[in-house]
Amino acid sequence: MTPEIKIWRDKLNSSVAKIDDIFEAAFLNAQKVMDEDALTAWLVGADKIYALGRGKELILIFLDEMPEVVAHSDPEIIPEVAELAAHLSKNAVRGSIQPFLATLPHVAKRLNSATSCVVGCA
């Protein structure tokens, strides 16, 4: 991991060991479509997903998939996705968080705008 990427990794509060396995590739993908503010939002969103306490896989999916979602929509979608995941968790629809996060890139690509999906789904 390069020193620059390590600085970004250190901003992430999660200690899930598997994050280190995917972080560099996920960060490089994110860096292609996000500015510094969006990268910060991406990490804040990942921390929010992790704080839900719904397993390690959710944060990995979020980190890996959000760059593609942003590529087809707008960086403003990042906190909205994290908020919707929190809403699903809070309202006993926990089993739907993983499929939501995993399919959102495909939906965003298909619609060419994930914003309309998230807004329409909430």
PDB file of N, CA and C in Angstrom:
ATOM      1  N   MET A   1       0.854  -1.170   0.000  1.00  0.00           N
ATOM      2  CA  MET A   1       0.000   0.000   0.000  1.00  0.00           C
ATOM      3  C   MET A   1       0.902   1.235   0.000  1.00  0.00           C
ATOM      4  N   THR A   2       0.626   2.139  -0.919  1.00  0.00           N
ATOM      5  CA  THR A   2       1.434   3.354  -0.992  1.00  0.00           C
ATOM      6  C   THR A   2       1.163   4.243   0.228  1.00  0.00           C
ATOM      7  N   PRO A   3       2.085   5.142   0.543  1.00  0.00           N
ATOM      8  CA  PRO A   3       1.870   6.033   1.691  1.00  0.00           C
ATOM      9  C   PRO A   3       0.593   6.871   1.567  1.00  0.00           C
ATOM     10  N   GLU A   4       0.295   7.357   0.356  1.00  0.00           N
ATOM     11  CA  GLU A   4      -0.931   8.145   0.164  1.00  0.00           C
ATOM     12  C   GLU A   4      -2.170   7.300   0.462  1.00  0.00           C
ATOM     13  N   ILE A   5      -2.198   6.079  -0.056  1.00  0.00           N
ATOM     14  CA  ILE A   5      -3.352   5.215   0.177  1.00  0.00           C
ATOM     15  C   ILE A   5      -3.445   4.836   1.654  1.00  0.00           C
ATOM     16  N   LYS A   6      -2.318   4.621   2.293  1.00  0.00           N
ATOM     17  CA  LYS A   6      -2.321   4.309   3.728  1.00  0.00           C
ATOM     18  C   LYS A   6      -2.912   5.460   4.539  1.00  0.00           C
ATOM     19  N   ILE A   7      -2.621   6.690   4.148  1.00  0.00           N
ATOM     20  CA  ILE A   7      -3.205   7.855   4.838  1.00  0.00           C
ATOM     21  C   ILE A   7      -4.732   7.799   4.744  1.00  0.00           C
ATOM     22  N   TRP A   8      -5.241   7.498   3.547  1.00  0.00           N
ATOM     23  CA  TRP A   8      -6.688   7.390   3.374  1.00  0.00           C
ATOM     24  C   TRP A   8      -7.242   6.200   4.159  1.00  0.00           C
ATOM     25  N   ARG A   9      -6.538   5.077   4.136  1.00  0.00           N
ATOM     26  CA  ARG A   9      -6.997   3.883   4.872  1.00  0.00           C
ATOM     27  C   ARG A   9      -7.077   4.186   6.365  1.00  0.00           C
ATOM     28  N   ASP A  10      -6.127   4.938   6.868  1.00  0.00           N
ATOM     29  CA  ASP A  10      -6.111   5.270   8.291  1.00  0.00           C
ATOM     30  C   ASP A  10      -7.278   6.164   8.698  1.00  0.00           C
ATOM     31  N   LYS A  11      -7.900   6.840   7.746  1.00  0.00           N
ATOM     32  CA  LYS A  11      -9.069   7.669   8.045  1.00  0.00           C
ATOM     33  C   LYS A  11     -10.321   6.817   8.280  1.00  0.00           C
ATOM     34  N   LEU A  12     -10.267   5.584   7.842  1.00  0.00           N
ATOM     35  CA  LEU A  12     -11.396   4.662   8.000  1.00  0.00           C
ATOM     36  C   LEU A  12     -11.328   4.052   9.392  1.00  0.00           C
ATOM     37  N   ASN A  13     -12.402   4.134  10.133  1.00  0.00           N
ATOM     38  CA  ASN A  13     -12.408   3.676  11.520  1.00  0.00           C
ATOM     39  C   ASN A  13     -12.567   2.172  11.682  1.00  0.00           C
ATOM     40  N   SER A  14     -12.928   1.487  10.648  1.00  0.00           N
ATOM     41  CA  SER A  14     -13.151   0.041  10.736  1.00  0.00           C
ATOM     42  C   SER A  14     -11.831  -0.717  10.822  1.00  0.00           C
ATOM     43  N   SER A  15     -11.838  -1.741  11.638  1.00  0.00           N
ATOM     44  CA  SER A  15     -10.643  -2.575  11.782  1.00  0.00           C
ATOM     45  C   SER A  15     -10.817  -3.950  11.129  1.00  0.00           C
ATOM     46  N   VAL A  16     -11.795  -4.103  10.265  1.00  0.00           N
ATOM     47  CA  VAL A  16     -12.019  -5.372   9.579  1.00  0.00           C
ATOM     48  C   VAL A  16     -10.777  -5.697   8.748  1.00  0.00           C
ATOM     49  N   ALA A  17     -10.181  -6.842   9.038  1.00  0.00           N
ATOM     50  CA  ALA A  17      -8.918  -7.215   8.389  1.00  0.00           C
ATOM     51  C   ALA A  17      -9.041  -7.316   6.873  1.00  0.00           C
ATOM     52  N   LYS A  18     -10.168  -7.794   6.373  1.00  0.00           N
ATOM     53  CA  LYS A  18     -10.325  -7.964   4.927  1.00  0.00           C
ATOM     54  C   LYS A  18     -10.326  -6.640   4.167  1.00  0.00           C
ATOM     55  N   ILE A  19     -10.580  -5.548   4.868  1.00  0.00           N
ATOM     56  CA  ILE A  19     -10.543  -4.246   4.195  1.00  0.00           C
ATOM     57  C   ILE A  19      -9.161  -4.000   3.607  1.00  0.00           C
ATOM     58  N   ASP A  20      -8.134  -4.373   4.332  1.00  0.00           N
ATOM     59  CA  ASP A  20      -6.780  -4.169   3.834  1.00  0.00           C
ATOM     60  C   ASP A  20      -6.535  -4.929   2.535  1.00  0.00           C
ATOM     61  N   ASP A  21      -7.236  -6.047   2.340  1.00  0.00           N
ATOM     62  CA  ASP A  21      -7.086  -6.831   1.118  1.00  0.00           C
ATOM     63  C   ASP A  21      -7.682  -6.134  -0.102  1.00  0.00           C
ATOM     64  N   ILE A  22      -8.754  -5.360   0.107  1.00  0.00           N
ATOM     65  CA  ILE A  22      -9.444  -4.745  -1.029  1.00  0.00           C
ATOM     66  C   ILE A  22      -9.253  -3.234  -1.119  1.00  0.00           C
ATOM     67  N   PHE A  23      -8.735  -2.621  -0.060  1.00  0.00           N
ATOM     68  CA  PHE A  23      -8.764  -1.165   0.020  1.00  0.00           C
ATOM     69  C   PHE A  23      -7.995  -0.479  -1.105  1.00  0.00           C
ATOM     70  N   GLU A  24      -6.811  -0.931  -1.400  1.00  0.00           N
ATOM     71  CA  GLU A  24      -6.006  -0.248  -2.413  1.00  0.00           C
ATOM     72  C   GLU A  24      -6.710  -0.233  -3.760  1.00  0.00           C
ATOM     73  N   ALA A  25      -7.211  -1.371  -4.201  1.00  0.00           N
ATOM     74  CA  ALA A  25      -7.920  -1.429  -5.489  1.00  0.00           C
ATOM     75  C   ALA A  25      -9.195  -0.601  -5.448  1.00  0.00           C
ATOM     76  N   ALA A  26      -9.942  -0.687  -4.342  1.00  0.00           N
ATOM     77  CA  ALA A  26     -11.175   0.097  -4.213  1.00  0.00           C
ATOM     78  C   ALA A  26     -10.864   1.589  -4.218  1.00  0.00           C
ATOM     79  N   PHE A  27      -9.810   1.982  -3.507  1.00  0.00           N
ATOM     80  CA  PHE A  27      -9.430   3.386  -3.460  1.00  0.00           C
ATOM     81  C   PHE A  27      -9.027   3.898  -4.843  1.00  0.00           C
ATOM     82  N   LEU A  28      -8.240   3.135  -5.561  1.00  0.00           N
ATOM     83  CA  LEU A  28      -7.814   3.559  -6.895  1.00  0.00           C
ATOM     84  C   LEU A  28      -9.013   3.720  -7.822  1.00  0.00           C
ATOM     85  N   ASN A  29      -9.999   2.830  -7.709  1.00  0.00           N
ATOM     86  CA  ASN A  29     -11.232   2.976  -8.491  1.00  0.00           C
ATOM     87  C   ASN A  29     -12.001   4.216  -8.060  1.00  0.00           C
ATOM     88  N   ALA A  30     -12.087   4.427  -6.758  1.00  0.00           N
ATOM     89  CA  ALA A  30     -12.811   5.590  -6.238  1.00  0.00           C
ATOM     90  C   ALA A  30     -12.140   6.883  -6.669  1.00  0.00           C
ATOM     91  N   GLN A  31     -10.843   6.898  -6.647  1.00  0.00           N
ATOM     92  CA  GLN A  31     -10.072   8.097  -6.996  1.00  0.00           C
ATOM     93  C   GLN A  31     -10.313   8.528  -8.446  1.00  0.00           C
ATOM     94  N   LYS A  32     -10.662   7.583  -9.294  1.00  0.00           N
ATOM     95  CA  LYS A  32     -10.926   7.893 -10.708  1.00  0.00           C
ATOM     96  C   LYS A  32     -12.205   8.707 -10.884  1.00  0.00           C
ATOM     97  N   VAL A  33     -13.163   8.551  -9.968  1.00  0.00           N
ATOM     98  CA  VAL A  33     -14.477   9.180 -10.153  1.00  0.00           C
ATOM     99  C   VAL A  33     -14.857  10.140  -9.027  1.00  0.00           C
ATOM    100  N   MET A  34     -14.001  10.257  -8.010  1.00  0.00           N
ATOM    101  CA  MET A  34     -14.332  11.094  -6.861  1.00  0.00           C
ATOM    102  C   MET A  34     -13.227  12.108  -6.595  1.00  0.00           C
ATOM    103  N   ASP A  35     -13.659  13.300  -6.171  1.00  0.00           N
ATOM    104  CA  ASP A  35     -12.684  14.281  -5.705  1.00  0.00           C
ATOM    105  C   ASP A  35     -12.418  14.023  -4.217  1.00  0.00           C
ATOM    106  N   GLU A  36     -11.604  14.863  -3.599  1.00  0.00           N
ATOM    107  CA  GLU A  36     -11.211  14.633  -2.206  1.00  0.00           C
ATOM    108  C   GLU A  36     -12.422  14.643  -1.254  1.00  0.00           C
ATOM    109  N   ASP A  37     -13.358  15.548  -1.479  1.00  0.00           N
ATOM    110  CA  ASP A  37     -14.558  15.597  -0.630  1.00  0.00           C
ATOM    111  C   ASP A  37     -15.383  14.325  -0.778  1.00  0.00           C
ATOM    112  N   ALA A  38     -15.517  13.850  -1.997  1.00  0.00           N
ATOM    113  CA  ALA A  38     -16.277  12.626  -2.231  1.00  0.00           C
ATOM    114  C   ALA A  38     -15.567  11.412  -1.625  1.00  0.00           C
ATOM    115  N   LEU A  39     -14.246  11.383  -1.707  1.00  0.00           N
ATOM    116  CA  LEU A  39     -13.502  10.284  -1.080  1.00  0.00           C
ATOM    117  C   LEU A  39     -13.725  10.288   0.433  1.00  0.00           C
ATOM    118  N   THR A  40     -13.744  11.467   1.019  1.00  0.00           N
ATOM    119  CA  THR A  40     -14.017  11.566   2.449  1.00  0.00           C
ATOM    120  C   THR A  40     -15.433  11.079   2.756  1.00  0.00           C
ATOM    121  N   ALA A  41     -16.403  11.474   1.942  1.00  0.00           N
ATOM    122  CA  ALA A  41     -17.783  11.016   2.120  1.00  0.00           C
ATOM    123  C   ALA A  41     -17.879   9.500   1.974  1.00  0.00           C
ATOM    124  N   TRP A  42     -17.105   8.951   1.061  1.00  0.00           N
ATOM    125  CA  TRP A  42     -17.067   7.503   0.838  1.00  0.00           C
ATOM    126  C   TRP A  42     -16.605   6.779   2.106  1.00  0.00           C
ATOM    127  N   LEU A  43     -15.560   7.309   2.734  1.00  0.00           N
ATOM    128  CA  LEU A  43     -15.064   6.695   3.972  1.00  0.00           C
ATOM    129  C   LEU A  43     -16.038   6.885   5.133  1.00  0.00           C
ATOM    130  N   VAL A  44     -16.642   8.058   5.228  1.00  0.00           N
ATOM    131  CA  VAL A  44     -17.639   8.313   6.271  1.00  0.00           C
ATOM    132  C   VAL A  44     -18.832   7.370   6.082  1.00  0.00           C
ATOM    133  N   GLY A  45     -19.262   7.208   4.835  1.00  0.00           N
ATOM    134  CA  GLY A  45     -20.351   6.277   4.540  1.00  0.00           C
ATOM    135  C   GLY A  45     -19.990   4.847   4.904  1.00  0.00           C
ATOM    136  N   ALA A  46     -18.765   4.450   4.607  1.00  0.00           N
ATOM    137  CA  ALA A  46     -18.313   3.099   4.953  1.00  0.00           C
ATOM    138  C   ALA A  46     -18.326   2.894   6.467  1.00  0.00           C
ATOM    139  N   ASP A  47     -17.869   3.906   7.202  1.00  0.00           N
ATOM    140  CA  ASP A  47     -17.910   3.811   8.665  1.00  0.00           C
ATOM    141  C   ASP A  47     -19.341   3.696   9.172  1.00  0.00           C
ATOM    142  N   LYS A  48     -20.247   4.428   8.551  1.00  0.00           N
ATOM    143  CA  LYS A  48     -21.657   4.365   8.951  1.00  0.00           C
ATOM    144  C   LYS A  48     -22.228   2.963   8.687  1.00  0.00           C
ATOM    145  N   ILE A  49     -21.884   2.400   7.544  1.00  0.00           N
ATOM    146  CA  ILE A  49     -22.335   1.047   7.208  1.00  0.00           C
ATOM    147  C   ILE A  49     -21.782   0.046   8.227  1.00  0.00           C
ATOM    148  N   TYR A  50     -20.509   0.184   8.555  1.00  0.00           N
ATOM    149  CA  TYR A  50     -19.884  -0.721   9.524  1.00  0.00           C
ATOM    150  C   TYR A  50     -20.530  -0.586  10.905  1.00  0.00           C
ATOM    151  N   ALA A  51     -20.869   0.646  11.280  1.00  0.00           N
ATOM    152  CA  ALA A  51     -21.455   0.901  12.597  1.00  0.00           C
ATOM    153  C   ALA A  51     -22.846   0.292  12.750  1.00  0.00           C
ATOM    154  N   LEU A  52     -23.451  -0.117  11.648  1.00  0.00           N
ATOM    155  CA  LEU A  52     -24.763  -0.761  11.735  1.00  0.00           C
ATOM    156  C   LEU A  52     -24.675  -2.097  12.476  1.00  0.00           C
ATOM    157  N   GLY A  53     -23.469  -2.689  12.486  1.00  0.00           N
ATOM    158  CA  GLY A  53     -23.285  -3.960  13.182  1.00  0.00           C
ATOM    159  C   GLY A  53     -23.955  -5.132  12.484  1.00  0.00           C
ATOM    160  N   ARG A  54     -24.039  -5.059  11.176  1.00  0.00           N
ATOM    161  CA  ARG A  54     -24.714  -6.111  10.397  1.00  0.00           C
ATOM    162  C   ARG A  54     -23.736  -7.011   9.654  1.00  0.00           C
ATOM    163  N   GLY A  55     -22.528  -7.084  10.135  1.00  0.00           N
ATOM    164  CA  GLY A  55     -21.548  -7.976   9.538  1.00  0.00           C
ATOM    165  C   GLY A  55     -20.472  -7.242   8.767  1.00  0.00           C
ATOM    166  N   LYS A  56     -19.389  -7.958   8.544  1.00  0.00           N
ATOM    167  CA  LYS A  56     -18.212  -7.391   7.882  1.00  0.00           C
ATOM    168  C   LYS A  56     -18.407  -7.210   6.384  1.00  0.00           C
ATOM    169  N   GLU A  57     -19.257  -8.019   5.805  1.00  0.00           N
ATOM    170  CA  GLU A  57     -19.410  -8.011   4.356  1.00  0.00           C
ATOM    171  C   GLU A  57     -19.980  -6.688   3.830  1.00  0.00           C
ATOM    172  N   LEU A  58     -20.842  -6.045   4.598  1.00  0.00           N
ATOM    173  CA  LEU A  58     -21.486  -4.821   4.117  1.00  0.00           C
ATOM    174  C   LEU A  58     -20.490  -3.711   3.832  1.00  0.00           C
ATOM    175  N   ILE A  59     -19.526  -3.517   4.713  1.00  0.00           N
ATOM    176  CA  ILE A  59     -18.540  -2.450   4.482  1.00  0.00           C
ATOM    177  C   ILE A  59     -17.668  -2.777   3.272  1.00  0.00           C
ATOM    178  N   LEU A  60     -17.368  -4.043   3.073  1.00  0.00           N
ATOM    179  CA  LEU A  60     -16.569  -4.441   1.910  1.00  0.00           C
ATOM    180  C   LEU A  60     -17.335  -4.167   0.621  1.00  0.00           C
ATOM    181  N   ILE A  61     -18.622  -4.500   0.613  1.00  0.00           N
ATOM    182  CA  ILE A  61     -19.453  -4.246  -0.562  1.00  0.00           C
ATOM    183  C   ILE A  61     -19.530  -2.743  -0.828  1.00  0.00           C
ATOM    184  N   PHE A  62     -19.781  -1.962   0.226  1.00  0.00           N
ATOM    185  CA  PHE A  62     -19.891  -0.510   0.082  1.00  0.00           C
ATOM    186  C   PHE A  62     -18.608   0.079  -0.504  1.00  0.00           C
ATOM    187  N   LEU A  63     -17.467  -0.273   0.055  1.00  0.00           N
ATOM    188  CA  LEU A  63     -16.195   0.260  -0.433  1.00  0.00           C
ATOM    189  C   LEU A  63     -15.940  -0.144  -1.881  1.00  0.00           C
ATOM    190  N   ASP A  64     -16.278  -1.356  -2.206  1.00  0.00           N
ATOM    191  CA  ASP A  64     -15.993  -1.884  -3.536  1.00  0.00           C
ATOM    192  C   ASP A  64     -16.964  -1.371  -4.598  1.00  0.00           C
ATOM    193  N   GLU A  65     -18.224  -1.212  -4.255  1.00  0.00           N
ATOM    194  CA  GLU A  65     -19.253  -0.901  -5.250  1.00  0.00           C
ATOM    195  C   GLU A  65     -19.567   0.582  -5.421  1.00  0.00           C
ATOM    196  N   MET A  66     -19.370   1.389  -4.394  1.00  0.00           N
ATOM    197  CA  MET A  66     -19.758   2.800  -4.494  1.00  0.00           C
ATOM    198  C   MET A  66     -19.032   3.573  -5.600  1.00  0.00           C
ATOM    199  N   PRO A  67     -17.766   3.292  -5.901  1.00  0.00           N
ATOM    200  CA  PRO A  67     -17.148   4.022  -7.012  1.00  0.00           C
ATOM    201  C   PRO A  67     -17.905   3.857  -8.336  1.00  0.00           C
ATOM    202  N   GLU A  68     -18.393   2.664  -8.595  1.00  0.00           N
ATOM    203  CA  GLU A  68     -19.159   2.462  -9.835  1.00  0.00           C
ATOM    204  C   GLU A  68     -20.492   3.194  -9.788  1.00  0.00           C
ATOM    205  N   VAL A  69     -21.123   3.203  -8.618  1.00  0.00           N
ATOM    206  CA  VAL A  69     -22.380   3.939  -8.477  1.00  0.00           C
ATOM    207  C   VAL A  69     -22.137   5.423  -8.752  1.00  0.00           C
ATOM    208  N   VAL A  70     -21.075   5.966  -8.177  1.00  0.00           N
ATOM    209  CA  VAL A  70     -20.745   7.381  -8.378  1.00  0.00           C
ATOM    210  C   VAL A  70     -20.429   7.650  -9.848  1.00  0.00           C
ATOM    211  N   ALA A  71     -19.771   6.725 -10.500  1.00  0.00           N
ATOM    212  CA  ALA A  71     -19.436   6.900 -11.915  1.00  0.00           C
ATOM    213  C   ALA A  71     -20.680   7.067 -12.775  1.00  0.00           C
ATOM    214  N   HIS A  72     -21.789   6.478 -12.360  1.00  0.00           N
ATOM    215  CA  HIS A  72     -23.026   6.547 -13.135  1.00  0.00           C
ATOM    216  C   HIS A  72     -24.006   7.572 -12.591  1.00  0.00           C
ATOM    217  N   SER A  73     -23.628   8.252 -11.522  1.00  0.00           N
ATOM    218  CA  SER A  73     -24.552   9.234 -10.964  1.00  0.00           C
ATOM    219  C   SER A  73     -23.785  10.463 -10.500  1.00  0.00           C
ATOM    220  N   ASP A  74     -23.673  10.622  -9.187  1.00  0.00           N
ATOM    221  CA  ASP A  74     -23.084  11.833  -8.623  1.00  0.00           C
ATOM    222  C   ASP A  74     -22.545  11.484  -7.237  1.00  0.00           C
ATOM    223  N   PRO A  75     -21.459  12.103  -6.806  1.00  0.00           N
ATOM    224  CA  PRO A  75     -20.925  11.814  -5.470  1.00  0.00           C
ATOM    225  C   PRO A  75     -21.907  12.091  -4.328  1.00  0.00           C
ATOM    226  N   GLU A  76     -22.882  12.943  -4.582  1.00  0.00           N
ATOM    227  CA  GLU A  76     -23.875  13.234  -3.542  1.00  0.00           C
ATOM    228  C   GLU A  76     -24.691  12.011  -3.153  1.00  0.00           C
ATOM    229  N   ILE A  77     -24.634  10.976  -3.960  1.00  0.00           N
ATOM    230  CA  ILE A  77     -25.374   9.741  -3.685  1.00  0.00           C
ATOM    231  C   ILE A  77     -24.778   8.984  -2.489  1.00  0.00           C
ATOM    232  N   ILE A  78     -23.503   9.207  -2.202  1.00  0.00           N
ATOM    233  CA  ILE A  78     -22.807   8.410  -1.178  1.00  0.00           C
ATOM    234  C   ILE A  78     -23.489   8.484   0.183  1.00  0.00           C
ATOM    235  N   PRO A  79     -23.708   9.658   0.758  1.00  0.00           N
ATOM    236  CA  PRO A  79     -24.369   9.684   2.064  1.00  0.00           C
ATOM    237  C   PRO A  79     -25.811   9.197   2.003  1.00  0.00           C
ATOM    238  N   GLU A  80     -26.473   9.387   0.862  1.00  0.00           N
ATOM    239  CA  GLU A  80     -27.849   8.918   0.723  1.00  0.00           C
ATOM    240  C   GLU A  80     -27.917   7.398   0.790  1.00  0.00           C
ATOM    241  N   VAL A  81     -26.959   6.729   0.170  1.00  0.00           N
ATOM    242  CA  VAL A  81     -26.912   5.269   0.213  1.00  0.00           C
ATOM    243  C   VAL A  81     -26.674   4.796   1.648  1.00  0.00           C
ATOM    244  N   ALA A  82     -25.734   5.428   2.341  1.00  0.00           N
ATOM    245  CA  ALA A  82     -25.462   5.056   3.731  1.00  0.00           C
ATOM    246  C   ALA A  82     -26.681   5.305   4.614  1.00  0.00           C
ATOM    247  N   GLU A  83     -27.369   6.415   4.383  1.00  0.00           N
ATOM    248  CA  GLU A  83     -28.580   6.728   5.160  1.00  0.00           C
ATOM    249  C   GLU A  83     -29.686   5.709   4.899  1.00  0.00           C
ATOM    250  N   LEU A  84     -29.861   5.317   3.645  1.00  0.00           N
ATOM    251  CA  LEU A  84     -30.891   4.329   3.336  1.00  0.00           C
ATOM    252  C   LEU A  84     -30.551   2.982   3.959  1.00  0.00           C
ATOM    253  N   ALA A  85     -29.293   2.611   3.957  1.00  0.00           N
ATOM    254  CA  ALA A  85     -28.883   1.365   4.620  1.00  0.00           C
ATOM    255  C   ALA A  85     -29.186   1.435   6.115  1.00  0.00           C
ATOM    256  N   ALA A  86     -28.929   2.582   6.729  1.00  0.00           N
ATOM    257  CA  ALA A  86     -29.239   2.760   8.152  1.00  0.00           C
ATOM    258  C   ALA A  86     -30.744   2.688   8.384  1.00  0.00           C
ATOM    259  N   HIS A  87     -31.508   3.276   7.482  1.00  0.00           N
ATOM    260  CA  HIS A  87     -32.972   3.226   7.582  1.00  0.00           C
ATOM    261  C   HIS A  87     -33.459   1.782   7.497  1.00  0.00           C
ATOM    262  N   LEU A  88     -32.927   1.026   6.559  1.00  0.00           N
ATOM    263  CA  LEU A  88     -33.307  -0.384   6.425  1.00  0.00           C
ATOM    264  C   LEU A  88     -32.947  -1.160   7.685  1.00  0.00           C
ATOM    265  N   SER A  89     -31.796  -0.883   8.248  1.00  0.00           N
ATOM    266  CA  SER A  89     -31.357  -1.558   9.462  1.00  0.00           C
ATOM    267  C   SER A  89     -32.263  -1.219  10.640  1.00  0.00           C
ATOM    268  N   LYS A  90     -32.596   0.041  10.757  1.00  0.00           N
ATOM    269  CA  LYS A  90     -33.422   0.522  11.873  1.00  0.00           C
ATOM    270  C   LYS A  90     -34.853  -0.017  11.807  1.00  0.00           C
ATOM    271  N   ASN A  91     -35.341  -0.213  10.605  1.00  0.00           N
ATOM    272  CA  ASN A  91     -36.736  -0.605  10.429  1.00  0.00           C
ATOM    273  C   ASN A  91     -36.914  -2.089  10.148  1.00  0.00           C
ATOM    274  N   ALA A  92     -36.039  -2.889  10.714  1.00  0.00           N
ATOM    275  CA  ALA A  92     -36.158  -4.348  10.673  1.00  0.00           C
ATOM    276  C   ALA A  92     -36.226  -4.933   9.265  1.00  0.00           C
ATOM    277  N   VAL A  93     -35.541  -4.306   8.331  1.00  0.00           N
ATOM    278  CA  VAL A  93     -35.448  -4.840   6.984  1.00  0.00           C
ATOM    279  C   VAL A  93     -33.976  -5.175   6.730  1.00  0.00           C
ATOM    280  N   ARG A  94     -33.350  -5.699   7.768  1.00  0.00           N
ATOM    281  CA  ARG A  94     -31.899  -5.921   7.765  1.00  0.00           C
ATOM    282  C   ARG A  94     -31.413  -6.796   6.623  1.00  0.00           C
ATOM    283  N   GLY A  95     -32.169  -7.811   6.285  1.00  0.00           N
ATOM    284  CA  GLY A  95     -31.745  -8.733   5.229  1.00  0.00           C
ATOM    285  C   GLY A  95     -31.700  -8.103   3.855  1.00  0.00           C
ATOM    286  N   SER A  96     -32.261  -6.927   3.707  1.00  0.00           N
ATOM    287  CA  SER A  96     -32.283  -6.284   2.398  1.00  0.00           C
ATOM    288  C   SER A  96     -31.086  -5.360   2.159  1.00  0.00           C
ATOM    289  N   ILE A  97     -30.284  -5.108   3.182  1.00  0.00           N
ATOM    290  CA  ILE A  97     -29.162  -4.167   3.024  1.00  0.00           C
ATOM    291  C   ILE A  97     -28.121  -4.717   2.057  1.00  0.00           C
ATOM    292  N   GLN A  98     -27.731  -5.953   2.233  1.00  0.00           N
ATOM    293  CA  GLN A  98     -26.710  -6.548   1.368  1.00  0.00           C
ATOM    294  C   GLN A  98     -27.164  -6.577  -0.092  1.00  0.00           C
ATOM    295  N   PRO A  99     -28.373  -7.062  -0.401  1.00  0.00           N
ATOM    296  CA  PRO A  99     -28.792  -7.033  -1.812  1.00  0.00           C
ATOM    297  C   PRO A  99     -28.905  -5.604  -2.367  1.00  0.00           C
ATOM    298  N   PHE A 100     -29.343  -4.666  -1.529  1.00  0.00           N
ATOM    299  CA  PHE A 100     -29.431  -3.268  -1.963  1.00  0.00           C
ATOM    300  C   PHE A 100     -28.059  -2.754  -2.381  1.00  0.00           C
ATOM    301  N   LEU A 101     -27.060  -2.921  -1.509  1.00  0.00           N
ATOM    302  CA  LEU A 101     -25.718  -2.427  -1.810  1.00  0.00           C
ATOM    303  C   LEU A 101     -25.102  -3.148  -3.004  1.00  0.00           C
ATOM    304  N   ALA A 102     -25.334  -4.456  -3.081  1.00  0.00           N
ATOM    305  CA  ALA A 102     -24.705  -5.247  -4.136  1.00  0.00           C
ATOM    306  C   ALA A 102     -25.308  -4.972  -5.512  1.00  0.00           C
ATOM    307  N   THR A 103     -26.590  -4.646  -5.570  1.00  0.00           N
ATOM    308  CA  THR A 103     -27.225  -4.437  -6.873  1.00  0.00           C
ATOM    309  C   THR A 103     -27.258  -2.980  -7.308  1.00  0.00           C
ATOM    310  N   LEU A 104     -26.995  -2.058  -6.407  1.00  0.00           N
ATOM    311  CA  LEU A 104     -27.070  -0.640  -6.753  1.00  0.00           C
ATOM    312  C   LEU A 104     -26.176  -0.253  -7.936  1.00  0.00           C
ATOM    313  N   PRO A 105     -24.948  -0.777  -8.058  1.00  0.00           N
ATOM    314  CA  PRO A 105     -24.145  -0.410  -9.242  1.00  0.00           C
ATOM    315  C   PRO A 105     -24.808  -0.826 -10.559  1.00  0.00           C
ATOM    316  N   HIS A 106     -25.451  -1.984 -10.565  1.00  0.00           N
ATOM    317  CA  HIS A 106     -26.111  -2.452 -11.783  1.00  0.00           C
ATOM    318  C   HIS A 106     -27.320  -1.577 -12.103  1.00  0.00           C
ATOM    319  N   VAL A 107     -28.056  -1.213 -11.062  1.00  0.00           N
ATOM    320  CA  VAL A 107     -29.210  -0.335 -11.248  1.00  0.00           C
ATOM    321  C   VAL A 107     -28.737   1.036 -11.741  1.00  0.00           C
ATOM    322  N   ALA A 108     -27.688   1.567 -11.133  1.00  0.00           N
ATOM    323  CA  ALA A 108     -27.170   2.874 -11.533  1.00  0.00           C
ATOM    324  C   ALA A 108     -26.719   2.855 -12.986  1.00  0.00           C
ATOM    325  N   LYS A 109     -26.046   1.800 -13.364  1.00  0.00           N
ATOM    326  CA  LYS A 109     -25.578   1.677 -14.741  1.00  0.00           C
ATOM    327  C   LYS A 109     -26.760   1.593 -15.697  1.00  0.00           C
ATOM    328  N   ARG A 110     -27.724   0.806 -15.319  1.00  0.00           N
ATOM    329  CA  ARG A 110     -28.905   0.613 -16.167  1.00  0.00           C
ATOM    330  C   ARG A 110     -29.707   1.903 -16.325  1.00  0.00           C
ATOM    331  N   LEU A 111     -29.887   2.618 -15.215  1.00  0.00           N
ATOM    332  CA  LEU A 111     -30.654   3.860 -15.242  1.00  0.00           C
ATOM    333  C   LEU A 111     -29.795   5.057 -15.620  1.00  0.00           C
ATOM    334  N   ASN A 112     -28.485   4.862 -15.516  1.00  0.00           N
ATOM    335  CA  ASN A 112     -27.500   5.919 -15.699  1.00  0.00           C
ATOM    336  C   ASN A 112     -27.683   7.028 -14.667  1.00  0.00           C
ATOM    337  N   SER A 113     -28.356   6.694 -13.557  1.00  0.00           N
ATOM    338  CA  SER A 113     -28.494   7.631 -12.461  1.00  0.00           C
ATOM    339  C   SER A 113     -28.998   6.894 -11.235  1.00  0.00           C
ATOM    340  N   ALA A 114     -28.114   6.637 -10.291  1.00  0.00           N
ATOM    341  CA  ALA A 114     -28.523   5.959  -9.062  1.00  0.00           C
ATOM    342  C   ALA A 114     -29.365   6.872  -8.184  1.00  0.00           C
ATOM    343  N   THR A 115     -29.255   8.176  -8.376  1.00  0.00           N
ATOM    344  CA  THR A 115     -29.998   9.116  -7.547  1.00  0.00           C
ATOM    345  C   THR A 115     -31.494   8.870  -7.659  1.00  0.00           C
ATOM    346  N   SER A 116     -31.984   8.635  -8.836  1.00  0.00           N
ATOM    347  CA  SER A 116     -33.424   8.418  -8.991  1.00  0.00           C
ATOM    348  C   SER A 116     -33.864   7.139  -8.294  1.00  0.00           C
ATOM    349  N   CYS A 117     -32.995   6.139  -8.229  1.00  0.00           N
ATOM    350  CA  CYS A 117     -33.334   4.905  -7.540  1.00  0.00           C
ATOM    351  C   CYS A 117     -33.430   5.122  -6.042  1.00  0.00           C
ATOM    352  N   VAL A 118     -32.427   5.755  -5.465  1.00  0.00           N
ATOM    353  CA  VAL A 118     -32.401   5.945  -4.028  1.00  0.00           C
ATOM    354  C   VAL A 118     -33.542   6.858  -3.602  1.00  0.00           C
ATOM    355  N   VAL A 119     -33.750   7.946  -4.311  1.00  0.00           N
ATOM    356  CA  VAL A 119     -34.822   8.864  -3.962  1.00  0.00           C
ATOM    357  C   VAL A 119     -36.165   8.182  -4.122  1.00  0.00           C
ATOM    358  N   GLY A 120     -36.320   7.407  -5.173  1.00  0.00           N
ATOM    359  CA  GLY A 120     -37.579   6.712  -5.417  1.00  0.00           C
ATOM    360  C   GLY A 120     -37.819   5.578  -4.452  1.00  0.00           C
ATOM    361  N   CYS A 121     -36.749   5.015  -3.901  1.00  0.00           N
ATOM    362  CA  CYS A 121     -36.863   3.873  -2.989  1.00  0.00           C
ATOM    363  C   CYS A 121     -37.154   4.310  -1.556  1.00  0.00           C
ATOM    364  N   ALA A 122     -36.761   5.530  -1.207  1.00  0.00           N
ATOM    365  CA  ALA A 122     -36.903   5.970   0.199  1.00  0.00           C
ATOM    366  C   ALA A 122     -38.318   6.317   0.541  1.00  0.00           C
TER     367      ALA A 122
END
